[in-house]
């Protein structure tokens, strides 16, 4: 439904499909140190087990959750004929959702996740 291929396995939809991989790669390439991979198992292992700084690790998990949600939603909207977003539109939607989520968190001055928004802008600019 996302790229025109008939293969709708979990592995294809997340992230072997060119549409979904482009969304994922655009959002987290710099955050992950250019280690994005279209393979579901490799991606999941990297999200769960990596040596990133705690802020980057948190942002990676937020991006992963948001990508999964929005890609599945986009797939269903296309399947039921209720919508179609370009890659750029979906990236903007996910980016805005992550920014809104970070804004809703209020950390004290010395909290270890205090710089989430600044870091998010650094890696997605």
PDB file of N, CA and C in Angstrom:
ATOM      1  N   UNK A   1       0.812  -1.210   0.000  1.00  0.00           N
ATOM      2  CA  UNK A   1       0.000   0.000   0.000  1.00  0.00           C
ATOM      3  C   UNK A   1       0.853   1.271   0.000  1.00  0.00           C
ATOM      4  N   UNK A   2       2.067   1.186   0.536  1.00  0.00           N
ATOM      5  CA  UNK A   2       2.888   2.395   0.626  1.00  0.00           C
ATOM      6  C   UNK A   2       3.724   2.648  -0.623  1.00  0.00           C
ATOM      7  N   UNK A   3       4.193   1.583  -1.254  1.00  0.00           N
ATOM      8  CA  UNK A   3       5.111   1.779  -2.383  1.00  0.00           C
ATOM      9  C   UNK A   3       4.626   1.121  -3.674  1.00  0.00           C
ATOM     10  N   UNK A   4       3.491   0.466  -3.636  1.00  0.00           N
ATOM     11  CA  UNK A   4       2.962  -0.167  -4.833  1.00  0.00           C
ATOM     12  C   UNK A   4       3.292  -1.642  -4.949  1.00  0.00           C
ATOM     13  N   UNK A   5       4.165  -2.168  -4.099  1.00  0.00           N
ATOM     14  CA  UNK A   5       4.466  -3.591  -4.120  1.00  0.00           C
ATOM     15  C   UNK A   5       3.398  -4.343  -3.338  1.00  0.00           C
ATOM     16  N   UNK A   6       3.189  -5.588  -3.713  1.00  0.00           N
ATOM     17  CA  UNK A   6       2.136  -6.372  -3.063  1.00  0.00           C
ATOM     18  C   UNK A   6       2.582  -6.964  -1.726  1.00  0.00           C
ATOM     19  N   UNK A   7       3.859  -6.987  -1.476  1.00  0.00           N
ATOM     20  CA  UNK A   7       4.412  -7.554  -0.248  1.00  0.00           C
ATOM     21  C   UNK A   7       4.032  -6.672   0.941  1.00  0.00           C
ATOM     22  N   UNK A   8       3.226  -7.207   1.852  1.00  0.00           N
ATOM     23  CA  UNK A   8       2.807  -6.409   3.009  1.00  0.00           C
ATOM     24  C   UNK A   8       3.203  -7.064   4.325  1.00  0.00           C
ATOM     25  N   UNK A   9       4.359  -7.676   4.337  1.00  0.00           N
ATOM     26  CA  UNK A   9       4.835  -8.255   5.582  1.00  0.00           C
ATOM     27  C   UNK A   9       5.288  -7.142   6.516  1.00  0.00           C
ATOM     28  N   UNK A  10       5.422  -7.475   7.761  1.00  0.00           N
ATOM     29  CA  UNK A  10       5.923  -6.508   8.740  1.00  0.00           C
ATOM     30  C   UNK A  10       7.292  -5.992   8.309  1.00  0.00           C
ATOM     31  N   UNK A  11       8.154  -6.901   7.847  1.00  0.00           N
ATOM     32  CA  UNK A  11       9.498  -6.513   7.440  1.00  0.00           C
ATOM     33  C   UNK A  11       9.483  -5.541   6.267  1.00  0.00           C
ATOM     34  N   UNK A  12       8.533  -5.727   5.370  1.00  0.00           N
ATOM     35  CA  UNK A  12       8.472  -4.822   4.223  1.00  0.00           C
ATOM     36  C   UNK A  12       7.912  -3.457   4.623  1.00  0.00           C
ATOM     37  N   UNK A  13       6.791  -3.474   5.336  1.00  0.00           N
ATOM     38  CA  UNK A  13       6.173  -2.205   5.733  1.00  0.00           C
ATOM     39  C   UNK A  13       7.111  -1.403   6.633  1.00  0.00           C
ATOM     40  N   UNK A  14       7.840  -2.084   7.533  1.00  0.00           N
ATOM     41  CA  UNK A  14       8.794  -1.433   8.453  1.00  0.00           C
ATOM     42  C   UNK A  14      10.156  -2.089   8.266  1.00  0.00           C
ATOM     43  N   UNK A  15      11.056  -1.725   7.546  1.00  0.00           N
ATOM     44  CA  UNK A  15      11.349  -0.529   6.811  1.00  0.00           C
ATOM     45  C   UNK A  15      11.941  -0.868   5.445  1.00  0.00           C
ATOM     46  N   UNK A  16      11.645  -2.054   4.939  1.00  0.00           N
ATOM     47  CA  UNK A  16      12.185  -2.458   3.637  1.00  0.00           C
ATOM     48  C   UNK A  16      11.515  -1.714   2.484  1.00  0.00           C
ATOM     49  N   UNK A  17      10.302  -1.266   2.688  1.00  0.00           N
ATOM     50  CA  UNK A  17       9.588  -0.480   1.683  1.00  0.00           C
ATOM     51  C   UNK A  17      10.333   0.840   1.476  1.00  0.00           C
ATOM     52  N   UNK A  18      10.563   1.226   0.226  1.00  0.00           N
ATOM     53  CA  UNK A  18      11.281   2.491  -0.012  1.00  0.00           C
ATOM     54  C   UNK A  18      10.620   3.698   0.648  1.00  0.00           C
ATOM     55  N   UNK A  19       9.302   3.732   0.682  1.00  0.00           N
ATOM     56  CA  UNK A  19       8.570   4.842   1.310  1.00  0.00           C
ATOM     57  C   UNK A  19       8.902   4.899   2.803  1.00  0.00           C
ATOM     58  N   UNK A  20       8.719   3.789   3.501  1.00  0.00           N
ATOM     59  CA  UNK A  20       8.922   3.794   4.948  1.00  0.00           C
ATOM     60  C   UNK A  20      10.394   3.956   5.314  1.00  0.00           C
ATOM     61  N   UNK A  21      11.296   3.367   4.526  1.00  0.00           N
ATOM     62  CA  UNK A  21      12.712   3.527   4.827  1.00  0.00           C
ATOM     63  C   UNK A  21      13.148   4.980   4.649  1.00  0.00           C
ATOM     64  N   UNK A  22      12.622   5.655   3.656  1.00  0.00           N
ATOM     65  CA  UNK A  22      12.965   7.064   3.443  1.00  0.00           C
ATOM     66  C   UNK A  22      12.513   7.900   4.637  1.00  0.00           C
ATOM     67  N   UNK A  23      11.314   7.629   5.144  1.00  0.00           N
ATOM     68  CA  UNK A  23      10.814   8.340   6.327  1.00  0.00           C
ATOM     69  C   UNK A  23      11.743   8.080   7.505  1.00  0.00           C
ATOM     70  N   UNK A  24      12.022   6.812   7.786  1.00  0.00           N
ATOM     71  CA  UNK A  24      12.857   6.416   8.918  1.00  0.00           C
ATOM     72  C   UNK A  24      14.263   7.000   8.793  1.00  0.00           C
ATOM     73  N   UNK A  25      14.868   6.841   7.637  1.00  0.00           N
ATOM     74  CA  UNK A  25      16.233   7.295   7.421  1.00  0.00           C
ATOM     75  C   UNK A  25      16.341   8.821   7.541  1.00  0.00           C
ATOM     76  N   UNK A  26      15.386   9.530   6.995  1.00  0.00           N
ATOM     77  CA  UNK A  26      15.408  10.994   7.062  1.00  0.00           C
ATOM     78  C   UNK A  26      15.340  11.473   8.509  1.00  0.00           C
ATOM     79  N   UNK A  27      14.524  10.829   9.320  1.00  0.00           N
ATOM     80  CA  UNK A  27      14.345  11.271  10.701  1.00  0.00           C
ATOM     81  C   UNK A  27      15.510  10.897  11.616  1.00  0.00           C
ATOM     82  N   UNK A  28      16.135   9.741  11.416  1.00  0.00           N
ATOM     83  CA  UNK A  28      17.108   9.273  12.412  1.00  0.00           C
ATOM     84  C   UNK A  28      18.517   9.030  11.893  1.00  0.00           C
ATOM     85  N   UNK A  29      18.779   9.318  10.644  1.00  0.00           N
ATOM     86  CA  UNK A  29      20.099   9.018  10.099  1.00  0.00           C
ATOM     87  C   UNK A  29      21.216   9.664  10.901  1.00  0.00           C
ATOM     88  N   UNK A  30      21.126  10.947  11.140  1.00  0.00           N
ATOM     89  CA  UNK A  30      22.180  11.642  11.887  1.00  0.00           C
ATOM     90  C   UNK A  30      22.159  11.263  13.363  1.00  0.00           C
ATOM     91  N   UNK A  31      21.000  11.000  13.898  1.00  0.00           N
ATOM     92  CA  UNK A  31      20.875  10.597  15.296  1.00  0.00           C
ATOM     93  C   UNK A  31      21.533   9.240  15.535  1.00  0.00           C
ATOM     94  N   UNK A  32      21.379   8.338  14.582  1.00  0.00           N
ATOM     95  CA  UNK A  32      21.909   6.982  14.737  1.00  0.00           C
ATOM     96  C   UNK A  32      23.350   6.854  14.279  1.00  0.00           C
ATOM     97  N   UNK A  33      23.962   7.944  13.873  1.00  0.00           N
ATOM     98  CA  UNK A  33      25.330   7.881  13.383  1.00  0.00           C
ATOM     99  C   UNK A  33      25.411   7.248  12.008  1.00  0.00           C
ATOM    100  N   UNK A  34      24.390   7.496  11.194  1.00  0.00           N
ATOM    101  CA  UNK A  34      24.311   6.978   9.820  1.00  0.00           C
ATOM    102  C   UNK A  34      24.262   5.444   9.795  1.00  0.00           C
ATOM    103  N   UNK A  35      23.605   4.841  10.781  1.00  0.00           N
ATOM    104  CA  UNK A  35      23.503   3.385  10.841  1.00  0.00           C
ATOM    105  C   UNK A  35      22.072   2.904  10.649  1.00  0.00           C
ATOM    106  N   UNK A  36      21.315   3.568   9.805  1.00  0.00           N
ATOM    107  CA  UNK A  36      19.961   3.091   9.539  1.00  0.00           C
ATOM    108  C   UNK A  36      20.040   1.897   8.608  1.00  0.00           C
ATOM    109  N   UNK A  37      19.105   0.996   8.771  1.00  0.00           N
ATOM    110  CA  UNK A  37      19.096  -0.236   7.987  1.00  0.00           C
ATOM    111  C   UNK A  37      17.650  -0.568   7.656  1.00  0.00           C
ATOM    112  N   UNK A  38      17.362  -1.042   6.434  1.00  0.00           N
ATOM    113  CA  UNK A  38      15.979  -1.366   6.084  1.00  0.00           C
ATOM    114  C   UNK A  38      15.489  -2.688   6.664  1.00  0.00           C
ATOM    115  N   UNK A  39      16.361  -3.441   7.306  1.00  0.00           N
ATOM    116  CA  UNK A  39      15.976  -4.728   7.883  1.00  0.00           C
ATOM    117  C   UNK A  39      15.331  -4.526   9.256  1.00  0.00           C
ATOM    118  N   UNK A  40      14.134  -5.075   9.454  1.00  0.00           N
ATOM    119  CA  UNK A  40      13.378  -4.915  10.695  1.00  0.00           C
ATOM    120  C   UNK A  40      14.171  -5.407  11.903  1.00  0.00           C
ATOM    121  N   UNK A  41      14.743  -6.588  11.812  1.00  0.00           N
ATOM    122  CA  UNK A  41      15.450  -7.174  12.946  1.00  0.00           C
ATOM    123  C   UNK A  41      16.667  -6.338  13.326  1.00  0.00           C
ATOM    124  N   UNK A  42      17.435  -5.915  12.345  1.00  0.00           N
ATOM    125  CA  UNK A  42      18.609  -5.081  12.609  1.00  0.00           C
ATOM    126  C   UNK A  42      18.193  -3.752  13.231  1.00  0.00           C
ATOM    127  N   UNK A  43      17.147  -3.160  12.689  1.00  0.00           N
ATOM    128  CA  UNK A  43      16.657  -1.877  13.219  1.00  0.00           C
ATOM    129  C   UNK A  43      16.178  -2.030  14.652  1.00  0.00           C
ATOM    130  N   UNK A  44      15.385  -3.046  14.917  1.00  0.00           N
ATOM    131  CA  UNK A  44      14.866  -3.269  16.271  1.00  0.00           C
ATOM    132  C   UNK A  44      16.002  -3.524  17.256  1.00  0.00           C
ATOM    133  N   UNK A  45      16.977  -4.311  16.862  1.00  0.00           N
ATOM    134  CA  UNK A  45      18.122  -4.566  17.742  1.00  0.00           C
ATOM    135  C   UNK A  45      18.884  -3.277  18.029  1.00  0.00           C
ATOM    136  N   UNK A  46      19.056  -2.453  17.007  1.00  0.00           N
ATOM    137  CA  UNK A  46      19.770  -1.196  17.217  1.00  0.00           C
ATOM    138  C   UNK A  46      18.999  -0.267  18.147  1.00  0.00           C
ATOM    139  N   UNK A  47      17.686  -0.184  17.978  1.00  0.00           N
ATOM    140  CA  UNK A  47      16.873   0.679  18.840  1.00  0.00           C
ATOM    141  C   UNK A  47      16.934   0.186  20.288  1.00  0.00           C
ATOM    142  N   UNK A  48      16.912  -1.117  20.482  1.00  0.00           N
ATOM    143  CA  UNK A  48      16.912  -1.680  21.841  1.00  0.00           C
ATOM    144  C   UNK A  48      18.292  -1.734  22.476  1.00  0.00           C
ATOM    145  N   UNK A  49      19.300  -2.005  21.659  1.00  0.00           N
ATOM    146  CA  UNK A  49      20.657  -2.185  22.193  1.00  0.00           C
ATOM    147  C   UNK A  49      21.636  -1.324  21.408  1.00  0.00           C
ATOM    148  N   UNK A  50      21.993  -0.206  21.971  1.00  0.00           N
ATOM    149  CA  UNK A  50      22.978   0.655  21.333  1.00  0.00           C
ATOM    150  C   UNK A  50      23.762   1.375  22.419  1.00  0.00           C
ATOM    151  N   UNK A  51      24.833   1.993  22.022  1.00  0.00           N
ATOM    152  CA  UNK A  51      25.688   2.677  22.991  1.00  0.00           C
ATOM    153  C   UNK A  51      25.573   4.191  22.866  1.00  0.00           C
ATOM    154  N   UNK A  52      24.424   4.659  22.397  1.00  0.00           N
ATOM    155  CA  UNK A  52      24.202   6.093  22.256  1.00  0.00           C
ATOM    156  C   UNK A  52      24.076   6.752  23.618  1.00  0.00           C
ATOM    157  N   UNK A  53      24.312   8.051  23.653  1.00  0.00           N
ATOM    158  CA  UNK A  53      24.097   8.850  24.855  1.00  0.00           C
ATOM    159  C   UNK A  53      22.614   8.756  25.222  1.00  0.00           C
ATOM    160  N   UNK A  54      22.285   8.912  26.484  1.00  0.00           N
ATOM    161  CA  UNK A  54      20.912   8.736  26.966  1.00  0.00           C
ATOM    162  C   UNK A  54      19.916   9.641  26.221  1.00  0.00           C
ATOM    163  N   UNK A  55      20.315  10.852  25.878  1.00  0.00           N
ATOM    164  CA  UNK A  55      19.416  11.761  25.153  1.00  0.00           C
ATOM    165  C   UNK A  55      19.157  11.222  23.752  1.00  0.00           C
ATOM    166  N   UNK A  56      20.206  10.796  23.066  1.00  0.00           N
ATOM    167  CA  UNK A  56      20.049  10.244  21.720  1.00  0.00           C
ATOM    168  C   UNK A  56      19.251   8.941  21.746  1.00  0.00           C
ATOM    169  N   UNK A  57      19.490   8.130  22.738  1.00  0.00           N
ATOM    170  CA  UNK A  57      18.765   6.867  22.884  1.00  0.00           C
ATOM    171  C   UNK A  57      17.266   7.135  23.070  1.00  0.00           C
ATOM    172  N   UNK A  58      16.942   8.123  23.883  1.00  0.00           N
ATOM    173  CA  UNK A  58      15.547   8.487  24.127  1.00  0.00           C
ATOM    174  C   UNK A  58      14.897   9.016  22.848  1.00  0.00           C
ATOM    175  N   UNK A  59      15.597   9.875  22.126  1.00  0.00           N
ATOM    176  CA  UNK A  59      15.065  10.414  20.877  1.00  0.00           C
ATOM    177  C   UNK A  59      14.888   9.315  19.833  1.00  0.00           C
ATOM    178  N   UNK A  60      15.818   8.382  19.770  1.00  0.00           N
ATOM    179  CA  UNK A  60      15.716   7.273  18.826  1.00  0.00           C
ATOM    180  C   UNK A  60      14.465   6.438  19.112  1.00  0.00           C
ATOM    181  N   UNK A  61      14.209   6.163  20.371  1.00  0.00           N
ATOM    182  CA  UNK A  61      13.015   5.394  20.739  1.00  0.00           C
ATOM    183  C   UNK A  61      11.734   6.171  20.445  1.00  0.00           C
ATOM    184  N   UNK A  62      11.751   7.470  20.696  1.00  0.00           N
ATOM    185  CA  UNK A  62      10.585   8.293  20.375  1.00  0.00           C
ATOM    186  C   UNK A  62      10.317   8.287  18.878  1.00  0.00           C
ATOM    187  N   UNK A  63      11.377   8.436  18.096  1.00  0.00           N
ATOM    188  CA  UNK A  63      11.240   8.443  16.635  1.00  0.00           C
ATOM    189  C   UNK A  63      10.759   7.083  16.131  1.00  0.00           C
ATOM    190  N   UNK A  64      11.285   6.013  16.691  1.00  0.00           N
ATOM    191  CA  UNK A  64      10.881   4.671  16.287  1.00  0.00           C
ATOM    192  C   UNK A  64       9.385   4.452  16.539  1.00  0.00           C
ATOM    193  N   UNK A  65       8.947   4.769  17.747  1.00  0.00           N
ATOM    194  CA  UNK A  65       7.536   4.598  18.097  1.00  0.00           C
ATOM    195  C   UNK A  65       6.639   5.438  17.198  1.00  0.00           C
ATOM    196  N   UNK A  66       7.043   6.670  16.971  1.00  0.00           N
ATOM    197  CA  UNK A  66       6.239   7.561  16.147  1.00  0.00           C
ATOM    198  C   UNK A  66       6.212   7.098  14.690  1.00  0.00           C
ATOM    199  N   UNK A  67       7.337   6.646  14.172  1.00  0.00           N
ATOM    200  CA  UNK A  67       7.381   6.137  12.794  1.00  0.00           C
ATOM    201  C   UNK A  67       6.477   4.921  12.635  1.00  0.00           C
ATOM    202  N   UNK A  68       6.557   3.986  13.554  1.00  0.00           N
ATOM    203  CA  UNK A  68       5.722   2.781  13.480  1.00  0.00           C
ATOM    204  C   UNK A  68       4.248   3.180  13.470  1.00  0.00           C
ATOM    205  N   UNK A  69       3.862   4.032  14.390  1.00  0.00           N
ATOM    206  CA  UNK A  69       2.466   4.457  14.483  1.00  0.00           C
ATOM    207  C   UNK A  69       2.001   5.130  13.194  1.00  0.00           C
ATOM    208  N   UNK A  70       2.746   6.115  12.735  1.00  0.00           N
ATOM    209  CA  UNK A  70       2.309   6.906  11.585  1.00  0.00           C
ATOM    210  C   UNK A  70       2.404   6.130  10.272  1.00  0.00           C
ATOM    211  N   UNK A  71       3.391   5.258  10.139  1.00  0.00           N
ATOM    212  CA  UNK A  71       3.466   4.444   8.923  1.00  0.00           C
ATOM    213  C   UNK A  71       2.300   3.463   8.852  1.00  0.00           C
ATOM    214  N   UNK A  72       1.959   2.854   9.970  1.00  0.00           N
ATOM    215  CA  UNK A  72       0.828   1.925   9.981  1.00  0.00           C
ATOM    216  C   UNK A  72      -0.483   2.669   9.715  1.00  0.00           C
ATOM    217  N   UNK A  73      -0.611   3.837  10.306  1.00  0.00           N
ATOM    218  CA  UNK A  73      -1.800   4.655  10.077  1.00  0.00           C
ATOM    219  C   UNK A  73      -1.900   5.058   8.606  1.00  0.00           C
ATOM    220  N   UNK A  74      -0.793   5.478   8.013  1.00  0.00           N
ATOM    221  CA  UNK A  74      -0.769   5.844   6.594  1.00  0.00           C
ATOM    222  C   UNK A  74      -1.137   4.648   5.726  1.00  0.00           C
ATOM    223  N   UNK A  75      -0.601   3.498   6.048  1.00  0.00           N
ATOM    224  CA  UNK A  75      -0.908   2.278   5.305  1.00  0.00           C
ATOM    225  C   UNK A  75      -2.399   1.988   5.350  1.00  0.00           C
ATOM    226  N   UNK A  76      -2.995   2.093   6.532  1.00  0.00           N
ATOM    227  CA  UNK A  76      -4.429   1.822   6.672  1.00  0.00           C
ATOM    228  C   UNK A  76      -5.282   2.872   5.958  1.00  0.00           C
ATOM    229  N   UNK A  77      -4.886   4.126   6.027  1.00  0.00           N
ATOM    230  CA  UNK A  77      -5.646   5.171   5.330  1.00  0.00           C
ATOM    231  C   UNK A  77      -5.607   4.954   3.821  1.00  0.00           C
ATOM    232  N   UNK A  78      -4.474   4.544   3.311  1.00  0.00           N
ATOM    233  CA  UNK A  78      -4.390   4.248   1.876  1.00  0.00           C
ATOM    234  C   UNK A  78      -5.218   3.018   1.523  1.00  0.00           C
ATOM    235  N   UNK A  79      -5.162   2.029   2.355  1.00  0.00           N
ATOM    236  CA  UNK A  79      -5.910   0.791   2.099  1.00  0.00           C
ATOM    237  C   UNK A  79      -7.411   1.051   2.055  1.00  0.00           C
ATOM    238  N   UNK A  80      -7.880   1.949   2.896  1.00  0.00           N
ATOM    239  CA  UNK A  80      -9.317   2.247   2.976  1.00  0.00           C
ATOM    240  C   UNK A  80      -9.711   3.472   2.169  1.00  0.00           C
ATOM    241  N   UNK A  81      -8.756   4.011   1.416  1.00  0.00           N
ATOM    242  CA  UNK A  81      -9.052   5.122   0.516  1.00  0.00           C
ATOM    243  C   UNK A  81      -9.390   6.430   1.194  1.00  0.00           C
ATOM    244  N   UNK A  82      -8.861   6.642   2.403  1.00  0.00           N
ATOM    245  CA  UNK A  82      -9.201   7.876   3.124  1.00  0.00           C
ATOM    246  C   UNK A  82      -8.061   8.881   3.173  1.00  0.00           C
ATOM    247  N   UNK A  83      -6.938   8.572   2.540  1.00  0.00           N
ATOM    248  CA  UNK A  83      -5.852   9.537   2.582  1.00  0.00           C
ATOM    249  C   UNK A  83      -4.631   9.069   1.839  1.00  0.00           C
ATOM    250  N   UNK A  84      -3.757  10.023   1.600  1.00  0.00           N
ATOM    251  CA  UNK A  84      -2.475   9.760   0.962  1.00  0.00           C
ATOM    252  C   UNK A  84      -1.543  10.907   1.298  1.00  0.00           C
ATOM    253  N   UNK A  85      -0.446  10.601   1.971  1.00  0.00           N
ATOM    254  CA  UNK A  85       0.556  11.614   2.294  1.00  0.00           C
ATOM    255  C   UNK A  85       1.840  11.293   1.561  1.00  0.00           C
ATOM    256  N   UNK A  86       2.522  12.326   1.115  1.00  0.00           N
ATOM    257  CA  UNK A  86       3.841  12.131   0.518  1.00  0.00           C
ATOM    258  C   UNK A  86       4.828  11.834   1.652  1.00  0.00           C
ATOM    259  N   UNK A  87       6.008  11.393   1.287  1.00  0.00           N
ATOM    260  CA  UNK A  87       7.065  11.147   2.268  1.00  0.00           C
ATOM    261  C   UNK A  87       7.330  12.422   3.069  1.00  0.00           C
ATOM    262  N   UNK A  88       7.423  13.534   2.378  1.00  0.00           N
ATOM    263  CA  UNK A  88       7.724  14.812   3.044  1.00  0.00           C
ATOM    264  C   UNK A  88       6.625  15.199   4.033  1.00  0.00           C
ATOM    265  N   UNK A  89       5.366  14.978   3.664  1.00  0.00           N
ATOM    266  CA  UNK A  89       4.260  15.303   4.568  1.00  0.00           C
ATOM    267  C   UNK A  89       4.292  14.423   5.815  1.00  0.00           C
ATOM    268  N   UNK A  90       4.580  13.139   5.630  1.00  0.00           N
ATOM    269  CA  UNK A  90       4.620  12.235   6.775  1.00  0.00           C
ATOM    270  C   UNK A  90       5.794  12.566   7.684  1.00  0.00           C
ATOM    271  N   UNK A  91       6.923  12.915   7.107  1.00  0.00           N
ATOM    272  CA  UNK A  91       8.087  13.303   7.917  1.00  0.00           C
ATOM    273  C   UNK A  91       7.760  14.538   8.745  1.00  0.00           C
ATOM    274  N   UNK A  92       7.123  15.535   8.127  1.00  0.00           N
ATOM    275  CA  UNK A  92       6.733  16.752   8.875  1.00  0.00           C
ATOM    276  C   UNK A  92       5.762  16.415  10.004  1.00  0.00           C
ATOM    277  N   UNK A  93       4.823  15.521   9.748  1.00  0.00           N
ATOM    278  CA  UNK A  93       3.847  15.126  10.760  1.00  0.00           C
ATOM    279  C   UNK A  93       4.531  14.437  11.946  1.00  0.00           C
ATOM    280  N   UNK A  94       5.442  13.530  11.657  1.00  0.00           N
ATOM    281  CA  UNK A  94       6.169  12.824  12.723  1.00  0.00           C
ATOM    282  C   UNK A  94       7.068  13.799  13.474  1.00  0.00           C
ATOM    283  N   UNK A  95       7.767  14.634  12.742  1.00  0.00           N
ATOM    284  CA  UNK A  95       8.655  15.627  13.365  1.00  0.00           C
ATOM    285  C   UNK A  95       7.864  16.527  14.322  1.00  0.00           C
ATOM    286  N   UNK A  96       6.717  16.989  13.879  1.00  0.00           N
ATOM    287  CA  UNK A  96       5.873  17.845  14.721  1.00  0.00           C
ATOM    288  C   UNK A  96       5.388  17.086  15.955  1.00  0.00           C
ATOM    289  N   UNK A  97       5.010  15.842  15.794  1.00  0.00           N
ATOM    290  CA  UNK A  97       4.561  15.032  16.925  1.00  0.00           C
ATOM    291  C   UNK A  97       5.652  14.845  17.964  1.00  0.00           C
ATOM    292  N   UNK A  98       6.862  14.612  17.510  1.00  0.00           N
ATOM    293  CA  UNK A  98       7.981  14.452  18.444  1.00  0.00           C
ATOM    294  C   UNK A  98       8.277  15.771  19.145  1.00  0.00           C
ATOM    295  N   UNK A  99       8.264  16.861  18.404  1.00  0.00           N
ATOM    296  CA  UNK A  99       8.469  18.180  19.031  1.00  0.00           C
ATOM    297  C   UNK A  99       7.389  18.453  20.081  1.00  0.00           C
ATOM    298  N   UNK A 100       6.143  18.149  19.760  1.00  0.00           N
ATOM    299  CA  UNK A 100       5.051  18.368  20.717  1.00  0.00           C
ATOM    300  C   UNK A 100       5.224  17.507  21.958  1.00  0.00           C
ATOM    301  N   UNK A 101       5.659  16.275  21.770  1.00  0.00           N
ATOM    302  CA  UNK A 101       5.869  15.382  22.912  1.00  0.00           C
ATOM    303  C   UNK A 101       6.990  15.911  23.803  1.00  0.00           C
ATOM    304  N   UNK A 102       8.072  16.337  23.196  1.00  0.00           N
ATOM    305  CA  UNK A 102       9.189  16.881  23.976  1.00  0.00           C
ATOM    306  C   UNK A 102       8.750  18.134  24.721  1.00  0.00           C
ATOM    307  N   UNK A 103       7.976  18.986  24.070  1.00  0.00           N
ATOM    308  CA  UNK A 103       7.486  20.214  24.694  1.00  0.00           C
ATOM    309  C   UNK A 103       6.608  19.910  25.906  1.00  0.00           C
ATOM    310  N   UNK A 104       5.875  18.808  25.848  1.00  0.00           N
ATOM    311  CA  UNK A 104       4.984  18.469  26.958  1.00  0.00           C
ATOM    312  C   UNK A 104       5.735  17.976  28.195  1.00  0.00           C
ATOM    313  N   UNK A 105       7.001  17.641  28.029  1.00  0.00           N
ATOM    314  CA  UNK A 105       7.810  17.184  29.157  1.00  0.00           C
ATOM    315  C   UNK A 105       8.449  18.385  29.827  1.00  0.00           C
ATOM    316  N   UNK A 106       8.387  18.428  31.120  1.00  0.00           N
ATOM    317  CA  UNK A 106       9.028  19.553  31.812  1.00  0.00           C
ATOM    318  C   UNK A 106      10.047  18.994  32.795  1.00  0.00           C
ATOM    319  N   UNK A 107      11.296  19.179  32.458  1.00  0.00           N
ATOM    320  CA  UNK A 107      12.385  18.673  33.289  1.00  0.00           C
ATOM    321  C   UNK A 107      13.022  19.799  34.068  1.00  0.00           C
ATOM    322  N   UNK A 108      13.474  19.469  35.246  1.00  0.00           N
ATOM    323  CA  UNK A 108      14.204  20.451  36.043  1.00  0.00           C
ATOM    324  C   UNK A 108      15.562  20.718  35.391  1.00  0.00           C
ATOM    325  N   UNK A 109      16.176  21.779  35.793  1.00  0.00           N
ATOM    326  CA  UNK A 109      17.421  22.267  35.189  1.00  0.00           C
ATOM    327  C   UNK A 109      18.506  21.193  35.090  1.00  0.00           C
ATOM    328  N   UNK A 110      18.623  20.338  36.086  1.00  0.00           N
ATOM    329  CA  UNK A 110      19.724  19.374  36.105  1.00  0.00           C
ATOM    330  C   UNK A 110      19.318  17.970  35.656  1.00  0.00           C
ATOM    331  N   UNK A 111      18.157  17.804  35.078  1.00  0.00           N
ATOM    332  CA  UNK A 111      17.688  16.491  34.645  1.00  0.00           C
ATOM    333  C   UNK A 111      18.502  15.996  33.453  1.00  0.00           C
ATOM    334  N   UNK A 112      18.741  14.684  33.392  1.00  0.00           N
ATOM    335  CA  UNK A 112      19.590  14.120  32.334  1.00  0.00           C
ATOM    336  C   UNK A 112      18.986  14.252  30.936  1.00  0.00           C
ATOM    337  N   UNK A 113      17.673  14.476  30.828  1.00  0.00           N
ATOM    338  CA  UNK A 113      17.027  14.611  29.521  1.00  0.00           C
ATOM    339  C   UNK A 113      16.656  16.062  29.205  1.00  0.00           C
ATOM    340  N   UNK A 114      17.239  16.985  29.888  1.00  0.00           N
ATOM    341  CA  UNK A 114      16.916  18.407  29.730  1.00  0.00           C
ATOM    342  C   UNK A 114      17.129  18.921  28.309  1.00  0.00           C
ATOM    343  N   UNK A 115      18.094  18.398  27.569  1.00  0.00           N
ATOM    344  CA  UNK A 115      18.420  18.929  26.252  1.00  0.00           C
ATOM    345  C   UNK A 115      17.785  18.188  25.083  1.00  0.00           C
ATOM    346  N   UNK A 116      16.657  17.515  25.300  1.00  0.00           N
ATOM    347  CA  UNK A 116      16.021  16.743  24.228  1.00  0.00           C
ATOM    348  C   UNK A 116      15.676  17.585  23.007  1.00  0.00           C
ATOM    349  N   UNK A 117      15.013  18.709  23.210  1.00  0.00           N
ATOM    350  CA  UNK A 117      14.584  19.512  22.070  1.00  0.00           C
ATOM    351  C   UNK A 117      15.782  20.061  21.299  1.00  0.00           C
ATOM    352  N   UNK A 118      16.760  20.559  22.007  1.00  0.00           N
ATOM    353  CA  UNK A 118      17.946  21.094  21.339  1.00  0.00           C
ATOM    354  C   UNK A 118      18.613  20.005  20.510  1.00  0.00           C
ATOM    355  N   UNK A 119      18.751  18.828  21.068  1.00  0.00           N
ATOM    356  CA  UNK A 119      19.390  17.726  20.341  1.00  0.00           C
ATOM    357  C   UNK A 119      18.542  17.293  19.143  1.00  0.00           C
ATOM    358  N   UNK A 120      17.226  17.265  19.309  1.00  0.00           N
ATOM    359  CA  UNK A 120      16.357  16.883  18.205  1.00  0.00           C
ATOM    360  C   UNK A 120      16.535  17.837  17.018  1.00  0.00           C
ATOM    361  N   UNK A 121      16.612  19.128  17.310  1.00  0.00           N
ATOM    362  CA  UNK A 121      16.821  20.103  16.238  1.00  0.00           C
ATOM    363  C   UNK A 121      18.217  19.959  15.619  1.00  0.00           C
ATOM    364  N   UNK A 122      19.206  19.615  16.418  1.00  0.00           N
ATOM    365  CA  UNK A 122      20.559  19.421  15.886  1.00  0.00           C
ATOM    366  C   UNK A 122      20.606  18.284  14.871  1.00  0.00           C
ATOM    367  N   UNK A 123      19.933  17.190  15.167  1.00  0.00           N
ATOM    368  CA  UNK A 123      20.036  16.006  14.297  1.00  0.00           C
ATOM    369  C   UNK A 123      19.001  15.973  13.174  1.00  0.00           C
ATOM    370  N   UNK A 124      18.016  16.872  13.218  1.00  0.00           N
ATOM    371  CA  UNK A 124      17.012  16.861  12.156  1.00  0.00           C
ATOM    372  C   UNK A 124      17.042  18.118  11.300  1.00  0.00           C
ATOM    373  N   UNK A 125      17.975  19.004  11.573  1.00  0.00           N
ATOM    374  CA  UNK A 125      18.062  20.239  10.793  1.00  0.00           C
ATOM    375  C   UNK A 125      18.612  19.998   9.405  1.00  0.00           C
TER     376      UNK A 125
END
